[in-house]
Amino acid sequence: MLKSRLLHPEILQALGEAGHGAQVLIADGNYPLATRSNPDAHRVYLNLAPGQLTVTDVLDVIADAIPVEAAYVMGPDDGTEPSIYADFRELLPETELERLGRFEFYDMARGPDTALAIATGEQRIYANILLTIGVVMPE
């Protein structure tokens, strides 16, 4: 049995294979994961039912497992800020959110650096986040 909070074998494998600069997409229930994520990325479907699991449930565990160097979020074209951004800031207090438009976000998530794409049952819209894995510094 593992002692860490992260127990999902496919996610552990994908993160173990990824390194500095690789990216992790955590997508809401509306996100077109099959067409708007890197085709070579590990895809994990945690969208059991609407509202289960949420993006913030997954982010909470992933952020505990990897160093986060950067975080990109999808924002609406009208410039409003989705309420989930406050949750993202709480879970990633040391990381500034970099806002992208919908299609710019899609293009980035389809890029070669996206090593892991996770679908969730999140019902909030614009609740997508793309994390860049940082470096684990020696002690």
N, C-alpha and C. Protein backbone atom coordinates (compact mmCIF):
# COMPACT_ATOMS: atom_id res chain seq x y z
N MET A 1 0.85 -1.18 0.00
CA MET A 1 0.00 0.00 0.00
C MET A 1 0.89 1.24 0.00
N LEU A 2 0.50 2.22 -0.79
CA LEU A 2 1.23 3.48 -0.85
C LEU A 2 0.85 4.38 0.32
N LYS A 3 1.77 5.22 0.74
CA LYS A 3 1.50 6.15 1.83
C LYS A 3 1.11 7.54 1.32
N SER A 4 1.32 7.78 0.03
CA SER A 4 0.98 9.09 -0.50
C SER A 4 -0.53 9.19 -0.72
N ARG A 5 -1.01 10.42 -0.90
CA ARG A 5 -2.44 10.64 -1.16
C ARG A 5 -2.84 10.16 -2.55
N LEU A 6 -1.92 10.21 -3.49
CA LEU A 6 -2.20 9.81 -4.86
C LEU A 6 -2.03 8.30 -4.99
N LEU A 7 -3.12 7.62 -5.32
CA LEU A 7 -3.10 6.16 -5.42
C LEU A 7 -3.44 5.64 -6.81
N HIS A 8 -3.98 6.47 -7.69
CA HIS A 8 -4.46 6.02 -9.00
C HIS A 8 -3.28 5.53 -9.84
N PRO A 9 -3.26 4.24 -10.22
CA PRO A 9 -2.08 3.68 -10.90
C PRO A 9 -1.76 4.32 -12.24
N GLU A 10 -2.77 4.65 -13.05
CA GLU A 10 -2.50 5.26 -14.36
C GLU A 10 -1.94 6.67 -14.20
N ILE A 11 -2.45 7.41 -13.24
CA ILE A 11 -1.95 8.77 -13.02
C ILE A 11 -0.53 8.71 -12.47
N LEU A 12 -0.26 7.79 -11.55
CA LEU A 12 1.10 7.63 -11.03
C LEU A 12 2.07 7.27 -12.15
N GLN A 13 1.67 6.38 -13.04
CA GLN A 13 2.53 6.00 -14.15
C GLN A 13 2.82 7.20 -15.05
N ALA A 14 1.77 7.93 -15.41
CA ALA A 14 1.95 9.08 -16.30
C ALA A 14 2.85 10.14 -15.67
N LEU A 15 2.65 10.42 -14.40
CA LEU A 15 3.49 11.42 -13.73
C LEU A 15 4.92 10.91 -13.59
N GLY A 16 5.08 9.61 -13.35
CA GLY A 16 6.42 9.03 -13.25
C GLY A 16 7.18 9.11 -14.56
N GLU A 17 6.47 9.04 -15.67
CA GLU A 17 7.10 9.12 -16.99
C GLU A 17 7.33 10.56 -17.43
N ALA A 18 6.60 11.50 -16.84
CA ALA A 18 6.73 12.91 -17.20
C ALA A 18 7.91 13.51 -16.44
N GLY A 19 8.34 14.66 -16.86
CA GLY A 19 9.43 15.35 -16.19
C GLY A 19 9.23 16.84 -16.26
N HIS A 20 10.29 17.56 -15.93
CA HIS A 20 10.25 19.02 -15.93
C HIS A 20 9.79 19.54 -17.29
N GLY A 21 8.79 20.39 -17.27
CA GLY A 21 8.27 20.99 -18.49
C GLY A 21 7.08 20.24 -19.09
N ALA A 22 6.86 19.00 -18.66
CA ALA A 22 5.69 18.27 -19.13
C ALA A 22 4.44 18.91 -18.52
N GLN A 23 3.31 18.68 -19.15
CA GLN A 23 2.09 19.32 -18.69
C GLN A 23 1.00 18.29 -18.35
N VAL A 24 0.14 18.71 -17.42
CA VAL A 24 -0.99 17.90 -16.96
C VAL A 24 -2.26 18.71 -17.15
N LEU A 25 -3.19 18.18 -17.92
CA LEU A 25 -4.48 18.81 -18.14
C LEU A 25 -5.51 18.18 -17.20
N ILE A 26 -6.20 19.02 -16.44
CA ILE A 26 -7.33 18.56 -15.63
C ILE A 26 -8.54 19.29 -16.20
N ALA A 27 -9.47 18.52 -16.77
CA ALA A 27 -10.55 19.10 -17.56
C ALA A 27 -11.92 18.91 -16.93
N ASP A 28 -12.79 19.90 -17.16
CA ASP A 28 -14.16 19.81 -16.67
C ASP A 28 -14.99 18.85 -17.53
N GLY A 29 -16.23 18.63 -17.14
CA GLY A 29 -17.09 17.68 -17.81
C GLY A 29 -17.51 18.06 -19.21
N ASN A 30 -17.30 19.30 -19.61
CA ASN A 30 -17.64 19.74 -20.97
C ASN A 30 -16.45 19.69 -21.92
N TYR A 31 -15.27 19.47 -21.40
CA TYR A 31 -14.06 19.57 -22.21
C TYR A 31 -14.00 18.42 -23.23
N PRO A 32 -13.67 18.72 -24.49
CA PRO A 32 -13.55 17.68 -25.51
C PRO A 32 -12.19 16.98 -25.45
N LEU A 33 -12.00 16.16 -24.45
CA LEU A 33 -10.69 15.54 -24.17
C LEU A 33 -10.14 14.76 -25.37
N ALA A 34 -11.00 14.05 -26.08
CA ALA A 34 -10.54 13.21 -27.19
C ALA A 34 -9.97 14.03 -28.34
N THR A 35 -10.48 15.23 -28.55
CA THR A 35 -10.04 16.02 -29.69
C THR A 35 -9.19 17.23 -29.31
N ARG A 36 -9.19 17.62 -28.03
CA ARG A 36 -8.46 18.83 -27.62
C ARG A 36 -7.42 18.56 -26.54
N SER A 37 -6.79 17.40 -26.65
CA SER A 37 -5.62 17.12 -25.82
C SER A 37 -4.61 16.36 -26.69
N ASN A 38 -3.37 16.36 -26.30
CA ASN A 38 -2.32 15.70 -27.05
C ASN A 38 -2.72 14.24 -27.29
N PRO A 39 -2.74 13.78 -28.55
CA PRO A 39 -3.13 12.40 -28.82
C PRO A 39 -2.19 11.37 -28.19
N ASP A 40 -0.96 11.77 -27.87
CA ASP A 40 -0.01 10.85 -27.25
C ASP A 40 -0.05 10.88 -25.73
N ALA A 41 -0.84 11.76 -25.14
CA ALA A 41 -0.92 11.88 -23.68
C ALA A 41 -1.66 10.67 -23.10
N HIS A 42 -1.28 10.33 -21.87
CA HIS A 42 -2.09 9.35 -21.12
C HIS A 42 -3.44 10.02 -20.88
N ARG A 43 -4.52 9.33 -21.13
CA ARG A 43 -5.85 9.87 -20.85
C ARG A 43 -6.48 9.04 -19.74
N VAL A 44 -6.97 9.75 -18.74
CA VAL A 44 -7.61 9.11 -17.59
C VAL A 44 -8.99 9.73 -17.44
N TYR A 45 -10.00 8.87 -17.39
CA TYR A 45 -11.39 9.33 -17.29
C TYR A 45 -11.91 9.10 -15.88
N LEU A 46 -12.03 10.19 -15.13
CA LEU A 46 -12.54 10.15 -13.76
C LEU A 46 -13.94 10.74 -13.69
N ASN A 47 -14.60 10.87 -14.83
CA ASN A 47 -15.93 11.48 -14.90
C ASN A 47 -17.01 10.40 -14.72
N LEU A 48 -17.14 9.94 -13.49
CA LEU A 48 -18.09 8.89 -13.17
C LEU A 48 -19.53 9.34 -13.34
N ALA A 49 -19.84 10.54 -12.86
CA ALA A 49 -21.18 11.11 -12.94
C ALA A 49 -21.04 12.62 -12.80
N PRO A 50 -22.06 13.39 -13.20
CA PRO A 50 -21.97 14.84 -13.04
C PRO A 50 -21.63 15.22 -11.59
N GLY A 51 -20.58 16.02 -11.44
CA GLY A 51 -20.16 16.45 -10.11
C GLY A 51 -19.19 15.51 -9.42
N GLN A 52 -18.89 14.37 -10.03
CA GLN A 52 -17.98 13.39 -9.42
C GLN A 52 -16.92 12.98 -10.42
N LEU A 53 -15.77 13.07 -10.18
CA LEU A 53 -14.96 13.90 -9.31
C LEU A 53 -14.87 15.29 -9.91
N THR A 54 -14.54 16.27 -9.10
CA THR A 54 -14.42 17.63 -9.61
C THR A 54 -12.97 17.95 -9.96
N VAL A 55 -12.80 19.01 -10.72
CA VAL A 55 -11.45 19.47 -11.06
C VAL A 55 -10.67 19.79 -9.80
N THR A 56 -11.31 20.43 -8.83
CA THR A 56 -10.59 20.80 -7.61
C THR A 56 -10.25 19.58 -6.76
N ASP A 57 -11.08 18.54 -6.78
CA ASP A 57 -10.73 17.29 -6.09
C ASP A 57 -9.43 16.73 -6.66
N VAL A 58 -9.36 16.70 -7.97
CA VAL A 58 -8.18 16.14 -8.64
C VAL A 58 -6.97 17.05 -8.46
N LEU A 59 -7.16 18.36 -8.63
CA LEU A 59 -6.06 19.31 -8.49
C LEU A 59 -5.45 19.25 -7.09
N ASP A 60 -6.28 19.10 -6.08
CA ASP A 60 -5.80 19.03 -4.70
C ASP A 60 -4.79 17.90 -4.52
N VAL A 61 -5.06 16.75 -5.12
CA VAL A 61 -4.18 15.60 -4.98
C VAL A 61 -2.97 15.72 -5.90
N ILE A 62 -3.18 16.16 -7.13
CA ILE A 62 -2.07 16.29 -8.08
C ILE A 62 -1.06 17.32 -7.60
N ALA A 63 -1.55 18.46 -7.11
CA ALA A 63 -0.65 19.53 -6.65
C ALA A 63 0.19 19.09 -5.46
N ASP A 64 -0.28 18.09 -4.74
CA ASP A 64 0.47 17.53 -3.62
C ASP A 64 1.55 16.55 -4.10
N ALA A 65 1.40 16.06 -5.34
CA ALA A 65 2.29 15.03 -5.86
C ALA A 65 3.41 15.57 -6.75
N ILE A 66 3.22 16.75 -7.35
CA ILE A 66 4.21 17.30 -8.28
C ILE A 66 4.51 18.76 -7.94
N PRO A 67 5.71 19.22 -8.29
CA PRO A 67 5.97 20.66 -8.20
C PRO A 67 5.30 21.34 -9.40
N VAL A 68 4.58 22.41 -9.15
CA VAL A 68 3.88 23.13 -10.22
C VAL A 68 4.67 24.39 -10.55
N GLU A 69 5.13 24.47 -11.77
CA GLU A 69 5.91 25.61 -12.23
C GLU A 69 5.03 26.70 -12.82
N ALA A 70 3.95 26.29 -13.50
CA ALA A 70 3.03 27.24 -14.13
C ALA A 70 1.65 26.62 -14.20
N ALA A 71 0.64 27.49 -14.26
CA ALA A 71 -0.75 27.03 -14.36
C ALA A 71 -1.49 27.91 -15.35
N TYR A 72 -2.05 27.30 -16.36
CA TYR A 72 -2.81 27.99 -17.40
C TYR A 72 -4.28 27.66 -17.21
N VAL A 73 -5.12 28.66 -17.31
CA VAL A 73 -6.56 28.48 -17.15
C VAL A 73 -7.27 29.00 -18.39
N MET A 74 -8.45 28.44 -18.64
CA MET A 74 -9.28 28.87 -19.75
C MET A 74 -10.23 29.95 -19.25
N GLY A 75 -10.29 31.07 -19.99
CA GLY A 75 -11.18 32.15 -19.59
C GLY A 75 -12.17 32.51 -20.68
N PRO A 76 -13.35 32.97 -20.28
CA PRO A 76 -14.34 33.39 -21.28
C PRO A 76 -13.88 34.64 -22.02
N ASP A 77 -14.38 34.78 -23.24
CA ASP A 77 -14.00 35.91 -24.09
C ASP A 77 -14.45 37.25 -23.54
N ASP A 78 -15.48 37.26 -22.69
CA ASP A 78 -15.99 38.54 -22.18
C ASP A 78 -15.15 39.12 -21.05
N GLY A 79 -14.06 38.41 -20.66
CA GLY A 79 -13.15 38.93 -19.65
C GLY A 79 -13.56 38.65 -18.21
N THR A 80 -14.73 38.07 -18.00
CA THR A 80 -15.14 37.75 -16.62
C THR A 80 -14.27 36.63 -16.07
N GLU A 81 -14.21 36.57 -14.75
CA GLU A 81 -13.40 35.55 -14.10
C GLU A 81 -14.31 34.48 -13.50
N PRO A 82 -14.18 33.24 -13.96
CA PRO A 82 -14.97 32.16 -13.38
C PRO A 82 -14.67 32.00 -11.89
N SER A 83 -15.68 31.63 -11.13
CA SER A 83 -15.52 31.49 -9.67
C SER A 83 -14.50 30.43 -9.28
N ILE A 84 -14.26 29.45 -10.14
CA ILE A 84 -13.32 28.38 -9.79
C ILE A 84 -11.88 28.91 -9.69
N TYR A 85 -11.59 30.06 -10.28
CA TYR A 85 -10.24 30.62 -10.18
C TYR A 85 -9.84 30.83 -8.72
N ALA A 86 -10.79 31.22 -7.87
CA ALA A 86 -10.49 31.40 -6.45
C ALA A 86 -10.06 30.08 -5.83
N ASP A 87 -10.71 29.00 -6.21
CA ASP A 87 -10.33 27.67 -5.71
C ASP A 87 -8.93 27.29 -6.21
N PHE A 88 -8.66 27.59 -7.49
CA PHE A 88 -7.33 27.30 -8.04
C PHE A 88 -6.26 28.06 -7.26
N ARG A 89 -6.50 29.32 -6.98
CA ARG A 89 -5.52 30.13 -6.24
C ARG A 89 -5.30 29.58 -4.83
N GLU A 90 -6.36 29.10 -4.21
CA GLU A 90 -6.24 28.52 -2.87
C GLU A 90 -5.41 27.24 -2.90
N LEU A 91 -5.59 26.43 -3.93
CA LEU A 91 -4.86 25.17 -4.04
C LEU A 91 -3.45 25.34 -4.57
N LEU A 92 -3.20 26.44 -5.26
CA LEU A 92 -1.87 26.74 -5.83
C LEU A 92 -1.41 28.12 -5.37
N PRO A 93 -1.23 28.32 -4.08
CA PRO A 93 -0.96 29.67 -3.57
C PRO A 93 0.34 30.30 -4.08
N GLU A 94 1.27 29.51 -4.53
CA GLU A 94 2.57 30.03 -4.98
C GLU A 94 2.64 30.20 -6.50
N THR A 95 1.53 29.91 -7.19
CA THR A 95 1.55 29.90 -8.65
C THR A 95 0.53 30.88 -9.20
N GLU A 96 0.99 31.77 -10.07
CA GLU A 96 0.09 32.72 -10.71
C GLU A 96 -0.67 32.02 -11.84
N LEU A 97 -1.95 32.28 -11.94
CA LEU A 97 -2.76 31.71 -13.02
C LEU A 97 -2.54 32.52 -14.29
N GLU A 98 -2.23 31.83 -15.38
CA GLU A 98 -2.05 32.49 -16.67
C GLU A 98 -3.29 32.20 -17.52
N ARG A 99 -4.04 33.23 -17.77
CA ARG A 99 -5.33 33.10 -18.46
C ARG A 99 -5.13 33.03 -19.97
N LEU A 100 -5.82 32.08 -20.59
CA LEU A 100 -5.81 31.92 -22.04
C LEU A 100 -7.26 31.91 -22.55
N GLY A 101 -7.45 32.33 -23.78
CA GLY A 101 -8.75 32.19 -24.42
C GLY A 101 -9.02 30.72 -24.70
N ARG A 102 -10.26 30.41 -24.99
CA ARG A 102 -10.66 29.01 -25.16
C ARG A 102 -9.82 28.29 -26.22
N PHE A 103 -9.70 28.87 -27.40
CA PHE A 103 -9.00 28.18 -28.48
C PHE A 103 -7.48 28.17 -28.26
N GLU A 104 -6.97 29.20 -27.63
CA GLU A 104 -5.55 29.21 -27.26
C GLU A 104 -5.26 28.11 -26.24
N PHE A 105 -6.18 27.94 -25.28
CA PHE A 105 -6.05 26.87 -24.29
C PHE A 105 -6.09 25.50 -24.99
N TYR A 106 -7.05 25.31 -25.89
CA TYR A 106 -7.15 24.05 -26.63
C TYR A 106 -5.84 23.75 -27.37
N ASP A 107 -5.30 24.76 -28.04
CA ASP A 107 -4.05 24.56 -28.79
C ASP A 107 -2.91 24.14 -27.87
N MET A 108 -2.82 24.78 -26.71
CA MET A 108 -1.76 24.44 -25.77
C MET A 108 -1.94 23.01 -25.24
N ALA A 109 -3.16 22.64 -24.92
CA ALA A 109 -3.44 21.30 -24.39
C ALA A 109 -3.18 20.21 -25.43
N ARG A 110 -3.30 20.54 -26.70
CA ARG A 110 -3.01 19.58 -27.77
C ARG A 110 -1.51 19.47 -28.05
N GLY A 111 -0.72 20.33 -27.45
CA GLY A 111 0.71 20.37 -27.72
C GLY A 111 1.46 19.14 -27.24
N PRO A 112 2.68 18.98 -27.71
CA PRO A 112 3.47 17.79 -27.40
C PRO A 112 3.89 17.67 -25.94
N ASP A 113 3.81 18.76 -25.18
CA ASP A 113 4.22 18.70 -23.77
C ASP A 113 3.14 18.14 -22.85
N THR A 114 1.91 18.02 -23.32
CA THR A 114 0.84 17.48 -22.47
C THR A 114 1.02 15.98 -22.38
N ALA A 115 1.45 15.53 -21.20
CA ALA A 115 1.75 14.12 -20.96
C ALA A 115 0.58 13.37 -20.34
N LEU A 116 -0.32 14.11 -19.69
CA LEU A 116 -1.44 13.49 -18.97
C LEU A 116 -2.67 14.37 -19.12
N ALA A 117 -3.79 13.79 -19.50
CA ALA A 117 -5.06 14.51 -19.62
C ALA A 117 -6.10 13.75 -18.79
N ILE A 118 -6.72 14.47 -17.85
CA ILE A 118 -7.67 13.85 -16.93
C ILE A 118 -9.03 14.49 -17.13
N ALA A 119 -10.03 13.66 -17.42
CA ALA A 119 -11.42 14.12 -17.52
C ALA A 119 -12.07 13.98 -16.15
N THR A 120 -12.84 14.99 -15.76
CA THR A 120 -13.56 14.94 -14.49
C THR A 120 -15.06 15.14 -14.75
N GLY A 121 -15.83 15.01 -13.70
CA GLY A 121 -17.27 15.26 -13.77
C GLY A 121 -17.63 16.67 -13.36
N GLU A 122 -16.63 17.54 -13.34
CA GLU A 122 -16.85 18.94 -12.93
C GLU A 122 -17.94 19.58 -13.77
N GLN A 123 -18.89 20.24 -13.11
CA GLN A 123 -20.00 20.88 -13.80
C GLN A 123 -19.81 22.37 -14.02
N ARG A 124 -18.90 23.00 -13.28
CA ARG A 124 -18.66 24.43 -13.49
C ARG A 124 -18.01 24.62 -14.86
N ILE A 125 -18.40 25.68 -15.55
CA ILE A 125 -17.82 25.93 -16.86
C ILE A 125 -16.51 26.69 -16.71
N TYR A 126 -15.66 26.58 -17.71
CA TYR A 126 -14.31 27.17 -17.71
C TYR A 126 -13.51 26.68 -16.51
N ALA A 127 -13.71 25.44 -16.13
CA ALA A 127 -13.02 24.87 -14.96
C ALA A 127 -11.89 23.95 -15.42
N ASN A 128 -11.12 24.41 -16.39
CA ASN A 128 -10.02 23.62 -16.94
C ASN A 128 -8.70 24.26 -16.53
N ILE A 129 -7.73 23.40 -16.22
CA ILE A 129 -6.42 23.92 -15.83
C ILE A 129 -5.33 23.04 -16.43
N LEU A 130 -4.29 23.68 -16.90
CA LEU A 130 -3.15 22.99 -17.51
C LEU A 130 -1.92 23.35 -16.67
N LEU A 131 -1.36 22.35 -16.03
CA LEU A 131 -0.22 22.55 -15.13
C LEU A 131 1.08 22.19 -15.82
N THR A 132 2.10 23.00 -15.62
CA THR A 132 3.45 22.66 -16.08
C THR A 132 4.22 22.14 -14.87
N ILE A 133 4.81 20.95 -15.04
CA ILE A 133 5.56 20.33 -13.95
C ILE A 133 6.90 21.04 -13.79
N GLY A 134 7.22 21.36 -12.55
CA GLY A 134 8.48 22.03 -12.24
C GLY A 134 9.57 21.04 -11.87
N VAL A 135 10.56 21.53 -11.17
CA VAL A 135 11.73 20.76 -10.77
C VAL A 135 11.67 20.44 -9.29
N VAL A 136 12.08 19.23 -8.96
CA VAL A 136 12.25 18.86 -7.55
C VAL A 136 13.70 19.20 -7.20
N MET A 137 13.87 20.18 -6.34
CA MET A 137 15.22 20.62 -5.97
C MET A 137 15.84 19.66 -4.95
N PRO A 138 17.14 19.44 -5.03
CA PRO A 138 17.79 18.58 -4.04
C PRO A 138 17.75 19.24 -2.66
N GLU A 139 17.72 18.42 -1.65
CA GLU A 139 17.68 18.95 -0.28
C GLU A 139 19.03 19.43 0.19
